[in-house]
Amino acid sequence: MVSFRQYKTSSGKVVLLGKSAETNEALVNQVENREILLHTNAPGSPFTNIKSDEEDLSKEDLYESAVMCAKHSQDWRDNKRDVNIHAFSKTDVFKTKDMPLGTFGVKKFKEIKVKKQDILEFEKGIKN
């Protein structure tokens, strides 16, 4: 059984994050068509899935989930600065035969800039 990192937004939306190439692959494969995925604009990020229909998400839910994604990224680990996150739907994700495990392409996305201070505040409230 695949295990994901799991959090909840302040409104109670469940957010799943991959932990490795294998769990990123499994996470993307379990996403429903009307749900949102997140990933940093750079490699080395968990794919992040908000378990809610896109039209039921508030801006706060989306931003809080982006903070979660950013906190677990290599970009944050290595640079400790603002992190750019891409938000996209499953229908915009593709995979070709030559892409390694846990790697996907994205046709179109919305960019969310996650502020350093918001990641630091999130880190204060979690233990992992």
Protein backbone atom coordinates (compact mmCIF):
# COMPACT_ATOMS: atom_id res chain seq x y z
CA MET A 1 0.00 0.00 0.00
CA VAL A 2 1.29 3.44 -0.96
CA SER A 3 1.64 5.98 1.83
CA PHE A 4 1.43 9.73 1.17
CA ARG A 5 2.08 12.71 3.42
CA GLN A 6 -1.33 14.00 4.43
CA TYR A 7 -2.48 17.37 5.73
CA LYS A 8 -5.73 19.30 5.93
CA THR A 9 -6.36 22.88 4.95
CA SER A 10 -7.91 25.21 7.53
CA SER A 11 -11.31 24.51 5.93
CA GLY A 12 -10.81 20.73 6.24
CA LYS A 13 -9.82 19.80 2.65
CA VAL A 14 -7.53 16.75 2.56
CA VAL A 15 -4.18 17.32 0.82
CA LEU A 16 -1.93 14.42 -0.23
CA LEU A 17 1.77 14.79 -1.07
CA GLY A 18 4.17 12.31 -2.63
CA LYS A 19 7.37 11.34 -0.80
CA SER A 20 9.45 9.88 -3.64
CA ALA A 21 9.38 9.18 -7.38
CA GLU A 22 7.33 6.05 -6.68
CA THR A 23 4.76 7.81 -4.50
CA ASN A 24 4.58 10.77 -6.91
CA GLU A 25 3.72 8.30 -9.68
CA ALA A 26 1.03 6.65 -7.54
CA LEU A 27 -0.32 10.02 -6.40
CA VAL A 28 -0.79 11.34 -9.93
CA ASN A 29 -2.43 8.08 -10.99
CA GLN A 30 -5.05 8.26 -8.20
CA VAL A 31 -6.14 11.86 -8.92
CA GLU A 32 -9.74 12.37 -10.05
CA ASN A 33 -10.33 14.50 -13.17
CA ARG A 34 -11.84 17.49 -11.31
CA GLU A 35 -9.12 17.69 -8.65
CA ILE A 36 -6.09 19.99 -8.62
CA LEU A 37 -2.44 18.97 -8.63
CA LEU A 38 0.49 21.12 -7.53
CA HIS A 39 4.25 20.93 -8.14
CA THR A 40 7.10 23.41 -8.00
CA ASN A 41 8.26 24.90 -11.27
CA ALA A 42 11.60 23.14 -10.59
CA PRO A 43 12.32 19.41 -10.27
CA GLY A 44 12.51 17.89 -6.80
CA SER A 45 9.05 18.48 -5.48
CA PRO A 46 6.26 16.29 -4.20
CA PHE A 47 3.26 16.14 -6.45
CA THR A 48 0.44 17.45 -4.31
CA ASN A 49 -3.25 16.58 -4.70
CA ILE A 50 -6.14 18.47 -3.13
CA LYS A 51 -8.94 15.94 -2.64
CA SER A 52 -11.78 18.23 -3.69
CA ASP A 53 -13.46 19.30 -6.91
CA GLU A 54 -11.78 22.40 -8.30
CA GLU A 55 -14.97 24.48 -8.08
CA ASP A 56 -15.24 23.72 -4.35
CA LEU A 57 -11.77 25.12 -3.57
CA SER A 58 -11.28 28.55 -2.10
CA LYS A 59 -8.23 30.68 -2.85
CA GLU A 60 -7.15 29.98 0.73
CA ASP A 61 -7.37 26.18 0.22
CA LEU A 62 -5.27 26.46 -2.93
CA TYR A 63 -2.65 28.70 -1.34
CA GLU A 64 -2.39 26.61 1.84
CA SER A 65 -1.86 23.51 -0.31
CA ALA A 66 0.80 25.35 -2.32
CA VAL A 67 2.60 26.18 0.94
CA MET A 68 2.57 22.47 1.86
CA CYS A 69 4.03 21.56 -1.54
CA ALA A 70 6.69 24.27 -1.30
CA LYS A 71 7.73 23.26 2.22
CA HIS A 72 8.61 19.73 1.05
CA SER A 73 10.46 20.80 -2.11
CA GLN A 74 14.18 20.74 -2.85
CA ASP A 75 13.89 24.39 -3.89
CA TRP A 76 12.87 25.32 -0.34
CA ARG A 77 15.37 22.95 1.28
CA ASP A 78 18.26 24.33 -0.77
CA ASN A 79 17.39 28.04 -1.02
CA LYS A 80 15.01 29.07 1.82
CA ARG A 81 13.30 31.69 -0.35
CA ASP A 82 9.92 32.24 -2.03
CA VAL A 83 8.89 29.19 -4.09
CA ASN A 84 6.92 29.20 -7.35
CA ILE A 85 4.26 26.49 -7.52
CA HIS A 86 2.34 25.33 -10.57
CA ALA A 87 -1.34 24.38 -10.15
CA PHE A 88 -3.00 22.27 -12.84
CA SER A 89 -5.72 19.73 -13.49
CA LYS A 90 -5.18 16.04 -14.22
CA THR A 91 -6.37 16.58 -17.77
CA ASP A 92 -3.30 18.81 -18.35
CA VAL A 93 -0.86 16.09 -17.23
CA PHE A 94 0.87 13.79 -19.70
CA LYS A 95 3.56 11.13 -19.62
CA THR A 96 5.71 9.86 -22.47
CA LYS A 97 7.54 6.53 -22.55
CA ASP A 98 10.94 8.17 -22.08
CA MET A 99 9.97 10.03 -18.86
CA PRO A 100 11.42 8.48 -15.69
CA LEU A 101 9.30 7.22 -12.81
CA GLY A 102 7.60 10.09 -10.97
CA THR A 103 8.11 12.56 -13.83
CA PHE A 104 5.24 14.07 -15.81
CA GLY A 105 4.72 16.86 -18.29
CA VAL A 106 2.10 19.58 -17.88
CA LYS A 107 0.36 21.35 -20.78
CA LYS A 108 -0.96 24.40 -18.93
CA PHE A 109 -0.83 25.65 -15.37
CA LYS A 110 -1.48 28.58 -13.08
CA GLU A 111 1.51 29.90 -11.12
CA ILE A 112 1.30 30.61 -7.40
CA LYS A 113 4.13 32.42 -5.60
CA VAL A 114 4.49 31.06 -2.07
CA LYS A 115 6.10 33.53 0.30
CA LYS A 116 9.05 32.49 2.44
CA GLN A 117 7.31 33.75 5.60
CA ASP A 118 4.25 31.55 4.95
CA ILE A 119 6.45 28.44 4.62
CA LEU A 120 8.26 29.32 7.86
CA GLU A 121 4.92 29.74 9.67
CA PHE A 122 3.69 26.38 8.31
CA GLU A 123 6.91 24.70 9.51
CA LYS A 124 6.30 26.00 13.03
CA GLY A 125 2.95 24.21 13.16
CA ILE A 126 4.07 20.75 11.95
CA LYS A 127 6.40 18.06 13.18
CA ASN A 128 7.46 16.37 9.90
